[in-house]
PDB file of N, CA and C in Angstrom:
ATOM      1  N   MET A   1      45.899   3.781 -26.764  1.00  0.00           N
ATOM      2  CA  MET A   1      45.065   4.840 -27.273  1.00  0.00           C
ATOM      3  C   MET A   1      43.895   4.274 -28.070  1.00  0.00           C
ATOM      4  N   LYS A   2      44.112   3.210 -28.838  1.00  0.00           N
ATOM      5  CA  LYS A   2      43.041   2.607 -29.634  1.00  0.00           C
ATOM      6  C   LYS A   2      41.947   2.050 -28.720  1.00  0.00           C
ATOM      7  N   ASN A   3      42.366   1.475 -27.576  1.00  0.00           N
ATOM      8  CA  ASN A   3      41.407   0.913 -26.642  1.00  0.00           C
ATOM      9  C   ASN A   3      40.505   2.022 -26.085  1.00  0.00           C
ATOM     10  N   TYR A   4      41.069   3.164 -25.784  1.00  0.00           N
ATOM     11  CA  TYR A   4      40.309   4.307 -25.288  1.00  0.00           C
ATOM     12  C   TYR A   4      39.300   4.771 -26.326  1.00  0.00           C
ATOM     13  N   ILE A   5      39.696   4.822 -27.575  1.00  0.00           N
ATOM     14  CA  ILE A   5      38.801   5.259 -28.657  1.00  0.00           C
ATOM     15  C   ILE A   5      37.674   4.247 -28.841  1.00  0.00           C
ATOM     16  N   LYS A   6      37.963   2.966 -28.714  1.00  0.00           N
ATOM     17  CA  LYS A   6      36.924   1.943 -28.840  1.00  0.00           C
ATOM     18  C   LYS A   6      35.895   2.080 -27.701  1.00  0.00           C
ATOM     19  N   LYS A   7      36.372   2.334 -26.494  1.00  0.00           N
ATOM     20  CA  LYS A   7      35.452   2.502 -25.365  1.00  0.00           C
ATOM     21  C   LYS A   7      34.594   3.746 -25.554  1.00  0.00           C
ATOM     22  N   LEU A   8      35.214   4.826 -26.032  1.00  0.00           N
ATOM     23  CA  LEU A   8      34.478   6.056 -26.266  1.00  0.00           C
ATOM     24  C   LEU A   8      33.438   5.869 -27.372  1.00  0.00           C
ATOM     25  N   ALA A   9      33.799   5.134 -28.401  1.00  0.00           N
ATOM     26  CA  ALA A   9      32.854   4.872 -29.482  1.00  0.00           C
ATOM     27  C   ALA A   9      31.700   4.009 -28.985  1.00  0.00           C
ATOM     28  N   PHE A  10      31.994   3.045 -28.124  1.00  0.00           N
ATOM     29  CA  PHE A  10      30.939   2.202 -27.565  1.00  0.00           C
ATOM     30  C   PHE A  10      29.975   3.034 -26.712  1.00  0.00           C
ATOM     31  N   VAL A  11      30.531   3.897 -25.891  1.00  0.00           N
ATOM     32  CA  VAL A  11      29.683   4.743 -25.045  1.00  0.00           C
ATOM     33  C   VAL A  11      28.841   5.670 -25.910  1.00  0.00           C
ATOM     34  N   ALA A  12      29.468   6.290 -26.901  1.00  0.00           N
ATOM     35  CA  ALA A  12      28.747   7.235 -27.756  1.00  0.00           C
ATOM     36  C   ALA A  12      27.729   6.539 -28.641  1.00  0.00           C
ATOM     37  N   GLY A  13      28.013   5.334 -29.074  1.00  0.00           N
ATOM     38  CA  GLY A  13      27.136   4.655 -30.024  1.00  0.00           C
ATOM     39  C   GLY A  13      26.066   3.797 -29.406  1.00  0.00           C
ATOM     40  N   VAL A  14      26.301   3.238 -28.233  1.00  0.00           N
ATOM     41  CA  VAL A  14      25.346   2.295 -27.651  1.00  0.00           C
ATOM     42  C   VAL A  14      24.728   2.836 -26.355  1.00  0.00           C
ATOM     43  N   ILE A  15      25.543   3.215 -25.422  1.00  0.00           N
ATOM     44  CA  ILE A  15      25.030   3.580 -24.104  1.00  0.00           C
ATOM     45  C   ILE A  15      24.338   4.936 -24.120  1.00  0.00           C
ATOM     46  N   ALA A  16      24.905   5.931 -24.771  1.00  0.00           N
ATOM     47  CA  ALA A  16      24.310   7.270 -24.774  1.00  0.00           C
ATOM     48  C   ALA A  16      22.910   7.282 -25.382  1.00  0.00           C
ATOM     49  N   PRO A  17      22.682   6.655 -26.554  1.00  0.00           N
ATOM     50  CA  PRO A  17      21.307   6.637 -27.076  1.00  0.00           C
ATOM     51  C   PRO A  17      20.328   5.870 -26.178  1.00  0.00           C
ATOM     52  N   THR A  18      20.805   4.833 -25.517  1.00  0.00           N
ATOM     53  CA  THR A  18      19.945   4.080 -24.607  1.00  0.00           C
ATOM     54  C   THR A  18      19.522   4.953 -23.432  1.00  0.00           C
ATOM     55  N   LEU A  19      20.472   5.688 -22.876  1.00  0.00           N
ATOM     56  CA  LEU A  19      20.132   6.580 -21.769  1.00  0.00           C
ATOM     57  C   LEU A  19      19.231   7.714 -22.226  1.00  0.00           C
ATOM     58  N   ALA A  20      19.454   8.208 -23.429  1.00  0.00           N
ATOM     59  CA  ALA A  20      18.604   9.291 -23.932  1.00  0.00           C
ATOM     60  C   ALA A  20      17.183   8.787 -24.171  1.00  0.00           C
ATOM     61  N   ALA A  21      17.041   7.568 -24.650  1.00  0.00           N
ATOM     62  CA  ALA A  21      15.710   7.009 -24.883  1.00  0.00           C
ATOM     63  C   ALA A  21      14.974   6.775 -23.568  1.00  0.00           C
ATOM     64  N   ALA A  22      15.723   6.513 -22.522  1.00  0.00           N
ATOM     65  CA  ALA A  22      15.096   6.294 -21.229  1.00  0.00           C
ATOM     66  C   ALA A  22      14.511   7.586 -20.677  1.00  0.00           C
ATOM     67  N   GLN A  23      14.918   8.727 -21.202  1.00  0.00           N
ATOM     68  CA  GLN A  23      14.447  10.015 -20.714  1.00  0.00           C
ATOM     69  C   GLN A  23      13.177  10.487 -21.404  1.00  0.00           C
ATOM     70  N   LEU A  24      12.660   9.718 -22.353  1.00  0.00           N
ATOM     71  CA  LEU A  24      11.452  10.138 -23.057  1.00  0.00           C
ATOM     72  C   LEU A  24      10.280  10.197 -22.085  1.00  0.00           C
ATOM     73  N   PRO A  25       9.412  11.200 -22.211  1.00  0.00           N
ATOM     74  CA  PRO A  25       8.270  11.302 -21.291  1.00  0.00           C
ATOM     75  C   PRO A  25       7.278  10.167 -21.512  1.00  0.00           C
ATOM     76  N   GLN A  26       6.700   9.718 -20.436  1.00  0.00           N
ATOM     77  CA  GLN A  26       5.706   8.661 -20.488  1.00  0.00           C
ATOM     78  C   GLN A  26       4.329   9.282 -20.703  1.00  0.00           C
ATOM     79  N   PRO A  27       3.419   8.571 -21.367  1.00  0.00           N
ATOM     80  CA  PRO A  27       2.078   9.129 -21.559  1.00  0.00           C
ATOM     81  C   PRO A  27       1.372   9.317 -20.208  1.00  0.00           C
ATOM     82  N   VAL A  28       0.629  10.383 -20.112  1.00  0.00           N
ATOM     83  CA  VAL A  28      -0.070  10.718 -18.875  1.00  0.00           C
ATOM     84  C   VAL A  28      -1.549  10.434 -19.060  1.00  0.00           C
ATOM     85  N   ASN A  29      -2.132   9.720 -18.097  1.00  0.00           N
ATOM     86  CA  ASN A  29      -3.565   9.465 -18.136  1.00  0.00           C
ATOM     87  C   ASN A  29      -4.302  10.740 -17.723  1.00  0.00           C
ATOM     88  N   PRO A  30      -5.393  11.062 -18.400  1.00  0.00           N
ATOM     89  CA  PRO A  30      -6.126  12.276 -18.018  1.00  0.00           C
ATOM     90  C   PRO A  30      -6.753  12.096 -16.636  1.00  0.00           C
ATOM     91  N   PRO A  31      -6.818  13.174 -15.861  1.00  0.00           N
ATOM     92  CA  PRO A  31      -7.417  13.049 -14.527  1.00  0.00           C
ATOM     93  C   PRO A  31      -8.912  12.776 -14.630  1.00  0.00           C
ATOM     94  N   SER A  32      -9.408  12.079 -13.635  1.00  0.00           N
ATOM     95  CA  SER A  32     -10.841  11.792 -13.631  1.00  0.00           C
ATOM     96  C   SER A  32     -11.597  13.059 -13.231  1.00  0.00           C
ATOM     97  N   THR A  33     -12.827  13.151 -13.676  1.00  0.00           N
ATOM     98  CA  THR A  33     -13.626  14.334 -13.372  1.00  0.00           C
ATOM     99  C   THR A  33     -14.300  14.237 -12.015  1.00  0.00           C
ATOM    100  N   ALA A  34     -14.359  13.030 -11.439  1.00  0.00           N
ATOM    101  CA  ALA A  34     -14.984  12.859 -10.132  1.00  0.00           C
ATOM    102  C   ALA A  34     -14.015  13.288  -9.040  1.00  0.00           C
ATOM    103  N   GLY A  35     -14.505  14.009  -8.054  1.00  0.00           N
ATOM    104  CA  GLY A  35     -13.674  14.444  -6.940  1.00  0.00           C
ATOM    105  C   GLY A  35     -13.494  13.332  -5.930  1.00  0.00           C
ATOM    106  N   PRO A  36     -12.652  13.554  -4.935  1.00  0.00           N
ATOM    107  CA  PRO A  36     -12.420  12.516  -3.937  1.00  0.00           C
ATOM    108  C   PRO A  36     -13.591  12.340  -2.973  1.00  0.00           C
ATOM    109  N   VAL A  37     -14.481  13.348  -2.902  1.00  0.00           N
ATOM    110  CA  VAL A  37     -15.595  13.293  -1.969  1.00  0.00           C
ATOM    111  C   VAL A  37     -16.895  13.331  -2.766  1.00  0.00           C
ATOM    112  N   THR A  38     -17.723  12.296  -2.587  1.00  0.00           N
ATOM    113  CA  THR A  38     -18.989  12.246  -3.323  1.00  0.00           C
ATOM    114  C   THR A  38     -20.197  12.147  -2.398  1.00  0.00           C
ATOM    115  N   SER A  39     -19.978  12.027  -1.083  1.00  0.00           N
ATOM    116  CA  SER A  39     -21.097  11.904  -0.158  1.00  0.00           C
ATOM    117  C   SER A  39     -20.677  12.411   1.217  1.00  0.00           C
ATOM    118  N   VAL A  40     -21.626  12.407   2.140  1.00  0.00           N
ATOM    119  CA  VAL A  40     -21.323  12.811   3.512  1.00  0.00           C
ATOM    120  C   VAL A  40     -20.320  11.839   4.121  1.00  0.00           C
ATOM    121  N   GLY A  41     -20.458  10.574   3.814  1.00  0.00           N
ATOM    122  CA  GLY A  41     -19.500   9.580   4.301  1.00  0.00           C
ATOM    123  C   GLY A  41     -18.101   9.850   3.778  1.00  0.00           C
ATOM    124  N   GLY A  42     -18.019  10.336   2.542  1.00  0.00           N
ATOM    125  CA  GLY A  42     -16.723  10.696   1.978  1.00  0.00           C
ATOM    126  C   GLY A  42     -16.109  11.885   2.679  1.00  0.00           C
ATOM    127  N   ILE A  43     -16.951  12.852   3.037  1.00  0.00           N
ATOM    128  CA  ILE A  43     -16.465  14.019   3.786  1.00  0.00           C
ATOM    129  C   ILE A  43     -15.936  13.577   5.141  1.00  0.00           C
ATOM    130  N   LEU A  44     -16.687  12.703   5.804  1.00  0.00           N
ATOM    131  CA  LEU A  44     -16.255  12.220   7.113  1.00  0.00           C
ATOM    132  C   LEU A  44     -14.973  11.406   7.011  1.00  0.00           C
ATOM    133  N   GLY A  45     -14.858  10.600   5.964  1.00  0.00           N
ATOM    134  CA  GLY A  45     -13.638   9.822   5.769  1.00  0.00           C
ATOM    135  C   GLY A  45     -12.433  10.716   5.516  1.00  0.00           C
ATOM    136  N   LEU A  46     -12.617  11.743   4.680  1.00  0.00           N
ATOM    137  CA  LEU A  46     -11.532  12.681   4.397  1.00  0.00           C
ATOM    138  C   LEU A  46     -11.151  13.455   5.650  1.00  0.00           C
ATOM    139  N   LEU A  47     -12.153  13.910   6.399  1.00  0.00           N
ATOM    140  CA  LEU A  47     -11.888  14.637   7.639  1.00  0.00           C
ATOM    141  C   LEU A  47     -11.174  13.744   8.645  1.00  0.00           C
ATOM    142  N   ASN A  48     -11.595  12.500   8.729  1.00  0.00           N
ATOM    143  CA  ASN A  48     -10.956  11.556   9.638  1.00  0.00           C
ATOM    144  C   ASN A  48      -9.497  11.339   9.265  1.00  0.00           C
ATOM    145  N   THR A  49      -9.213  11.208   7.979  1.00  0.00           N
ATOM    146  CA  THR A  49      -7.841  11.010   7.533  1.00  0.00           C
ATOM    147  C   THR A  49      -6.976  12.229   7.845  1.00  0.00           C
ATOM    148  N   ILE A  50      -7.487  13.411   7.560  1.00  0.00           N
ATOM    149  CA  ILE A  50      -6.731  14.638   7.817  1.00  0.00           C
ATOM    150  C   ILE A  50      -6.459  14.801   9.305  1.00  0.00           C
ATOM    151  N   LEU A  51      -7.485  14.601  10.122  1.00  0.00           N
ATOM    152  CA  LEU A  51      -7.305  14.793  11.556  1.00  0.00           C
ATOM    153  C   LEU A  51      -6.433  13.710  12.186  1.00  0.00           C
ATOM    154  N   THR A  52      -6.421  12.533  11.611  1.00  0.00           N
ATOM    155  CA  THR A  52      -5.505  11.498  12.095  1.00  0.00           C
ATOM    156  C   THR A  52      -4.068  11.919  11.854  1.00  0.00           C
ATOM    157  N   TRP A  53      -3.791  12.478  10.668  1.00  0.00           N
ATOM    158  CA  TRP A  53      -2.441  12.973  10.377  1.00  0.00           C
ATOM    159  C   TRP A  53      -2.074  14.131  11.294  1.00  0.00           C
ATOM    160  N   VAL A  54      -3.028  15.021  11.551  1.00  0.00           N
ATOM    161  CA  VAL A  54      -2.769  16.134  12.470  1.00  0.00           C
ATOM    162  C   VAL A  54      -2.437  15.594  13.859  1.00  0.00           C
ATOM    163  N   ALA A  55      -3.163  14.586  14.289  1.00  0.00           N
ATOM    164  CA  ALA A  55      -2.905  14.003  15.604  1.00  0.00           C
ATOM    165  C   ALA A  55      -1.508  13.381  15.650  1.00  0.00           C
ATOM    166  N   TYR A  56      -1.107  12.673  14.602  1.00  0.00           N
ATOM    167  CA  TYR A  56       0.236  12.089  14.563  1.00  0.00           C
ATOM    168  C   TYR A  56       1.300  13.175  14.678  1.00  0.00           C
ATOM    169  N   ILE A  57       1.102  14.272  13.954  1.00  0.00           N
ATOM    170  CA  ILE A  57       2.080  15.359  13.991  1.00  0.00           C
ATOM    171  C   ILE A  57       2.162  15.951  15.392  1.00  0.00           C
ATOM    172  N   PHE A  58       1.021  16.139  16.043  1.00  0.00           N
ATOM    173  CA  PHE A  58       1.046  16.695  17.390  1.00  0.00           C
ATOM    174  C   PHE A  58       1.629  15.721  18.401  1.00  0.00           C
ATOM    175  N   TRP A  59       1.428  14.413  18.232  1.00  0.00           N
ATOM    176  CA  TRP A  59       2.047  13.442  19.148  1.00  0.00           C
ATOM    177  C   TRP A  59       3.562  13.477  19.000  1.00  0.00           C
ATOM    178  N   ILE A  60       4.035  13.585  17.780  1.00  0.00           N
ATOM    179  CA  ILE A  60       5.478  13.670  17.562  1.00  0.00           C
ATOM    180  C   ILE A  60       6.025  14.966  18.156  1.00  0.00           C
ATOM    181  N   ALA A  61       5.298  16.066  17.956  1.00  0.00           N
ATOM    182  CA  ALA A  61       5.729  17.346  18.529  1.00  0.00           C
ATOM    183  C   ALA A  61       5.723  17.286  20.049  1.00  0.00           C
ATOM    184  N   ALA A  62       4.726  16.655  20.623  1.00  0.00           N
ATOM    185  CA  ALA A  62       4.656  16.542  22.087  1.00  0.00           C
ATOM    186  C   ALA A  62       5.844  15.746  22.619  1.00  0.00           C
ATOM    187  N   ALA A  63       6.176  14.661  21.959  1.00  0.00           N
ATOM    188  CA  ALA A  63       7.332  13.869  22.400  1.00  0.00           C
ATOM    189  C   ALA A  63       8.622  14.686  22.286  1.00  0.00           C
ATOM    190  N   ALA A  64       8.760  15.439  21.188  1.00  0.00           N
ATOM    191  CA  ALA A  64       9.951  16.267  21.014  1.00  0.00           C
ATOM    192  C   ALA A  64      10.023  17.343  22.091  1.00  0.00           C
ATOM    193  N   PHE A  65       8.895  17.970  22.411  1.00  0.00           N
ATOM    194  CA  PHE A  65       8.879  19.003  23.451  1.00  0.00           C
ATOM    195  C   PHE A  65       9.226  18.409  24.822  1.00  0.00           C
ATOM    196  N   ILE A  66       8.726  17.224  25.096  1.00  0.00           N
ATOM    197  CA  ILE A  66       9.022  16.597  26.389  1.00  0.00           C
ATOM    198  C   ILE A  66      10.505  16.280  26.504  1.00  0.00           C
ATOM    199  N   PHE A  67      11.088  15.724  25.445  1.00  0.00           N
ATOM    200  CA  PHE A  67      12.522  15.431  25.479  1.00  0.00           C
ATOM    201  C   PHE A  67      13.348  16.707  25.584  1.00  0.00           C
ATOM    202  N   TYR A  68      12.929  17.748  24.875  1.00  0.00           N
ATOM    203  CA  TYR A  68      13.654  19.015  24.940  1.00  0.00           C
ATOM    204  C   TYR A  68      13.530  19.644  26.324  1.00  0.00           C
ATOM    205  N   ALA A  69      12.333  19.576  26.924  1.00  0.00           N
ATOM    206  CA  ALA A  69      12.149  20.106  28.279  1.00  0.00           C
ATOM    207  C   ALA A  69      13.008  19.327  29.274  1.00  0.00           C
ATOM    208  N   ALA A  70      13.071  18.025  29.136  1.00  0.00           N
ATOM    209  CA  ALA A  70      13.911  17.218  30.022  1.00  0.00           C
ATOM    210  C   ALA A  70      15.381  17.596  29.859  1.00  0.00           C
ATOM    211  N   PHE A  71      15.806  17.804  28.630  1.00  0.00           N
ATOM    212  CA  PHE A  71      17.181  18.225  28.376  1.00  0.00           C
ATOM    213  C   PHE A  71      17.460  19.573  29.033  1.00  0.00           C
ATOM    214  N   LEU A  72      16.506  20.498  28.915  1.00  0.00           N
ATOM    215  CA  LEU A  72      16.693  21.814  29.526  1.00  0.00           C
ATOM    216  C   LEU A  72      16.745  21.717  31.057  1.00  0.00           C
ATOM    217  N   TYR A  73      15.894  20.868  31.640  1.00  0.00           N
ATOM    218  CA  TYR A  73      15.939  20.695  33.091  1.00  0.00           C
ATOM    219  C   TYR A  73      17.288  20.118  33.534  1.00  0.00           C
ATOM    220  N   LEU A  74      17.790  19.135  32.766  1.00  0.00           N
ATOM    221  CA  LEU A  74      19.055  18.508  33.131  1.00  0.00           C
ATOM    222  C   LEU A  74      20.237  19.453  33.005  1.00  0.00           C
ATOM    223  N   THR A  75      20.176  20.347  32.036  1.00  0.00           N
ATOM    224  CA  THR A  75      21.306  21.254  31.814  1.00  0.00           C
ATOM    225  C   THR A  75      21.121  22.603  32.501  1.00  0.00           C
ATOM    226  N   ALA A  76      20.034  22.809  33.238  1.00  0.00           N
ATOM    227  CA  ALA A  76      19.785  24.100  33.882  1.00  0.00           C
ATOM    228  C   ALA A  76      20.773  24.378  35.008  1.00  0.00           C
ATOM    229  N   ALA A  77      21.156  23.370  35.735  1.00  0.00           N
ATOM    230  CA  ALA A  77      22.112  23.504  36.844  1.00  0.00           C
ATOM    231  C   ALA A  77      21.665  24.571  37.850  1.00  0.00           C
ATOM    232  N   GLY A  78      20.383  24.637  38.097  1.00  0.00           N
ATOM    233  CA  GLY A  78      19.856  25.560  39.089  1.00  0.00           C
ATOM    234  C   GLY A  78      19.625  26.980  38.606  1.00  0.00           C
ATOM    235  N   ASP A  79      19.894  27.251  37.334  1.00  0.00           N
ATOM    236  CA  ASP A  79      19.671  28.598  36.788  1.00  0.00           C
ATOM    237  C   ASP A  79      18.165  28.817  36.633  1.00  0.00           C
ATOM    238  N   PRO A  80      17.591  29.802  37.348  1.00  0.00           N
ATOM    239  CA  PRO A  80      16.132  29.987  37.312  1.00  0.00           C
ATOM    240  C   PRO A  80      15.593  30.301  35.920  1.00  0.00           C
ATOM    241  N   GLU A  81      16.357  31.001  35.113  1.00  0.00           N
ATOM    242  CA  GLU A  81      15.902  31.343  33.756  1.00  0.00           C
ATOM    243  C   GLU A  81      15.775  30.084  32.889  1.00  0.00           C
ATOM    244  N   LYS A  82      16.754  29.187  33.005  1.00  0.00           N
ATOM    245  CA  LYS A  82      16.707  27.941  32.222  1.00  0.00           C
ATOM    246  C   LYS A  82      15.597  27.012  32.726  1.00  0.00           C
ATOM    247  N   VAL A  83      15.377  26.993  34.037  1.00  0.00           N
ATOM    248  CA  VAL A  83      14.292  26.173  34.587  1.00  0.00           C
ATOM    249  C   VAL A  83      12.949  26.713  34.109  1.00  0.00           C
ATOM    250  N   LYS A  84      12.808  28.026  34.057  1.00  0.00           N
ATOM    251  CA  LYS A  84      11.571  28.641  33.564  1.00  0.00           C
ATOM    252  C   LYS A  84      11.345  28.290  32.100  1.00  0.00           C
ATOM    253  N   LYS A  85      12.413  28.325  31.289  1.00  0.00           N
ATOM    254  CA  LYS A  85      12.299  27.960  29.869  1.00  0.00           C
ATOM    255  C   LYS A  85      11.902  26.492  29.731  1.00  0.00           C
ATOM    256  N   ALA A  86      12.478  25.630  30.564  1.00  0.00           N
ATOM    257  CA  ALA A  86      12.139  24.205  30.521  1.00  0.00           C
ATOM    258  C   ALA A  86      10.685  23.977  30.901  1.00  0.00           C
ATOM    259  N   SER A  87      10.192  24.710  31.898  1.00  0.00           N
ATOM    260  CA  SER A  87       8.788  24.531  32.290  1.00  0.00           C
ATOM    261  C   SER A  87       7.849  25.022  31.192  1.00  0.00           C
ATOM    262  N   HIS A  88       8.247  26.067  30.456  1.00  0.00           N
ATOM    263  CA  HIS A  88       7.433  26.511  29.321  1.00  0.00           C
ATOM    264  C   HIS A  88       7.417  25.455  28.216  1.00  0.00           C
ATOM    265  N   GLN A  89       8.550  24.826  27.976  1.00  0.00           N
ATOM    266  CA  GLN A  89       8.595  23.770  26.965  1.00  0.00           C
ATOM    267  C   GLN A  89       7.702  22.600  27.369  1.00  0.00           C
ATOM    268  N   PHE A  90       7.692  22.285  28.660  1.00  0.00           N
ATOM    269  CA  PHE A  90       6.821  21.203  29.129  1.00  0.00           C
ATOM    270  C   PHE A  90       5.358  21.585  28.965  1.00  0.00           C
ATOM    271  N   LEU A  91       5.029  22.853  29.198  1.00  0.00           N
ATOM    272  CA  LEU A  91       3.664  23.335  28.988  1.00  0.00           C
ATOM    273  C   LEU A  91       3.266  23.202  27.522  1.00  0.00           C
ATOM    274  N   TYR A  92       4.193  23.504  26.601  1.00  0.00           N
ATOM    275  CA  TYR A  92       3.907  23.344  25.175  1.00  0.00           C
ATOM    276  C   TYR A  92       3.643  21.880  24.840  1.00  0.00           C
ATOM    277  N   ALA A  93       4.348  20.973  25.516  1.00  0.00           N
ATOM    278  CA  ALA A  93       4.110  19.543  25.289  1.00  0.00           C
ATOM    279  C   ALA A  93       2.707  19.158  25.742  1.00  0.00           C
ATOM    280  N   VAL A  94       2.268  19.680  26.861  1.00  0.00           N
ATOM    281  CA  VAL A  94       0.921  19.383  27.351  1.00  0.00           C
ATOM    282  C   VAL A  94      -0.121  19.925  26.374  1.00  0.00           C
ATOM    283  N   VAL A  95       0.104  21.125  25.854  1.00  0.00           N
ATOM    284  CA  VAL A  95      -0.820  21.695  24.866  1.00  0.00           C
ATOM    285  C   VAL A  95      -0.854  20.829  23.604  1.00  0.00           C
ATOM    286  N   ALA A  96       0.294  20.355  23.160  1.00  0.00           N
ATOM    287  CA  ALA A  96       0.323  19.488  21.980  1.00  0.00           C
ATOM    288  C   ALA A  96      -0.431  18.190  22.229  1.00  0.00           C
ATOM    289  N   ILE A  97      -0.335  17.646  23.428  1.00  0.00           N
ATOM    290  CA  ILE A  97      -1.078  16.426  23.755  1.00  0.00           C
ATOM    291  C   ILE A  97      -2.578  16.692  23.742  1.00  0.00           C
ATOM    292  N   VAL A  98      -3.000  17.823  24.288  1.00  0.00           N
ATOM    293  CA  VAL A  98      -4.426  18.171  24.304  1.00  0.00           C
ATOM    294  C   VAL A  98      -4.945  18.340  22.882  1.00  0.00           C
ATOM    295  N   VAL A  99      -4.182  19.018  22.032  1.00  0.00           N
ATOM    296  CA  VAL A  99      -4.613  19.203  20.642  1.00  0.00           C
ATOM    297  C   VAL A  99      -4.657  17.859  19.920  1.00  0.00           C
ATOM    298  N   GLY A 100      -3.717  16.978  20.201  1.00  0.00           N
ATOM    299  CA  GLY A 100      -3.742  15.644  19.606  1.00  0.00           C
ATOM    300  C   GLY A 100      -4.968  14.851  20.020  1.00  0.00           C
ATOM    301  N   LEU A 101      -5.344  14.954  21.283  1.00  0.00           N
ATOM    302  CA  LEU A 101      -6.552  14.272  21.755  1.00  0.00           C
ATOM    303  C   LEU A 101      -7.800  14.864  21.123  1.00  0.00           C
ATOM    304  N   MET A 102      -7.813  16.187  20.957  1.00  0.00           N
ATOM    305  CA  MET A 102      -8.962  16.836  20.313  1.00  0.00           C
ATOM    306  C   MET A 102      -9.074  16.401  18.847  1.00  0.00           C
ATOM    307  N   ALA A 103      -7.952  16.186  18.188  1.00  0.00           N
ATOM    308  CA  ALA A 103      -7.990  15.757  16.793  1.00  0.00           C
ATOM    309  C   ALA A 103      -8.622  14.369  16.668  1.00  0.00           C
ATOM    310  N   TYR A 104      -8.479  13.534  17.696  1.00  0.00           N
ATOM    311  CA  TYR A 104      -9.146  12.235  17.657  1.00  0.00           C
ATOM    312  C   TYR A 104     -10.633  12.353  17.945  1.00  0.00           C
ATOM    313  N   GLY A 105     -11.040  13.302  18.750  1.00  0.00           N
ATOM    314  CA  GLY A 105     -12.442  13.440  19.116  1.00  0.00           C
ATOM    315  C   GLY A 105     -13.266  14.264  18.154  1.00  0.00           C
ATOM    316  N   LEU A 106     -12.634  15.132  17.380  1.00  0.00           N
ATOM    317  CA  LEU A 106     -13.367  16.014  16.480  1.00  0.00           C
ATOM    318  C   LEU A 106     -14.140  15.270  15.386  1.00  0.00           C
ATOM    319  N   PRO A 107     -13.605  14.217  14.764  1.00  0.00           N
ATOM    320  CA  PRO A 107     -14.412  13.515  13.754  1.00  0.00           C
ATOM    321  C   PRO A 107     -15.707  12.943  14.322  1.00  0.00           C
ATOM    322  N   LEU A 108     -15.663  12.426  15.529  1.00  0.00           N
ATOM    323  CA  LEU A 108     -16.884  11.891  16.148  1.00  0.00           C
ATOM    324  C   LEU A 108     -17.883  12.999  16.401  1.00  0.00           C
ATOM    325  N   LEU A 109     -17.403  14.157  16.817  1.00  0.00           N
ATOM    326  CA  LEU A 109     -18.269  15.304  17.055  1.00  0.00           C
ATOM    327  C   LEU A 109     -18.928  15.754  15.743  1.00  0.00           C
ATOM    328  N   VAL A 110     -18.160  15.841  14.673  1.00  0.00           N
ATOM    329  CA  VAL A 110     -18.696  16.250  13.383  1.00  0.00           C
ATOM    330  C   VAL A 110     -19.669  15.204  12.859  1.00  0.00           C
ATOM    331  N   GLN A 111     -19.352  13.939  13.042  1.00  0.00           N
ATOM    332  CA  GLN A 111     -20.235  12.862  12.581  1.00  0.00           C
ATOM    333  C   GLN A 111     -21.577  12.927  13.307  1.00  0.00           C
ATOM    334  N   ASN A 112     -21.553  13.167  14.591  1.00  0.00           N
ATOM    335  CA  ASN A 112     -22.802  13.296  15.340  1.00  0.00           C
ATOM    336  C   ASN A 112     -23.563  14.546  14.924  1.00  0.00           C
ATOM    337  N   PHE A 113     -22.843  15.619  14.632  1.00  0.00           N
ATOM    338  CA  PHE A 113     -23.497  16.858  14.215  1.00  0.00           C
ATOM    339  C   PHE A 113     -24.164  16.700  12.852  1.00  0.00           C
ATOM    340  N   LEU A 114     -23.504  16.012  11.916  1.00  0.00           N
ATOM    341  CA  LEU A 114     -24.063  15.811  10.584  1.00  0.00           C
ATOM    342  C   LEU A 114     -25.098  14.693  10.538  1.00  0.00           C
ATOM    343  N   GLY A 115     -25.171  13.906  11.569  1.00  0.00           N
ATOM    344  CA  GLY A 115     -26.167  12.836  11.629  1.00  0.00           C
ATOM    345  C   GLY A 115     -25.746  11.581  10.902  1.00  0.00           C
ATOM    346  N   GLY A 116     -24.490  11.450  10.548  1.00  0.00           N
ATOM    347  CA  GLY A 116     -24.013  10.231   9.883  1.00  0.00           C
ATOM    348  C   GLY A 116     -23.760   9.134  10.887  1.00  0.00           C
ATOM    349  N   HIS A 117     -23.815   7.910  10.407  1.00  0.00           N
ATOM    350  CA  HIS A 117     -23.597   6.770  11.332  1.00  0.00           C
ATOM    351  C   HIS A 117     -22.423   5.977  10.864  1.00  0.00           C
TER     352      HIS A 117
END
């Protein structure tokens, strides 16, 4: 019993205050007043970054749709309704690929429209 009390006293006296001190909030630096975009080049860079992420998301969605359509075709077993659903899923994959390709081409189109080089 004495050993248990010694361990409890150690936890209460040493470890608990250490853990509580670790929870103190850290000082926060004030945000800068300058925005992320300061020029036309900054707008194009931000647009390029956003559209690159959009393209990645659509490529992943297209791959998922293709795998799902293949799964539906394999499990259709000649059922016309399931084959129709699988062909619609494949169509969605093609649309996702087209949107992904457009996301890569749109920054160049905007850059040419704004006259940036």
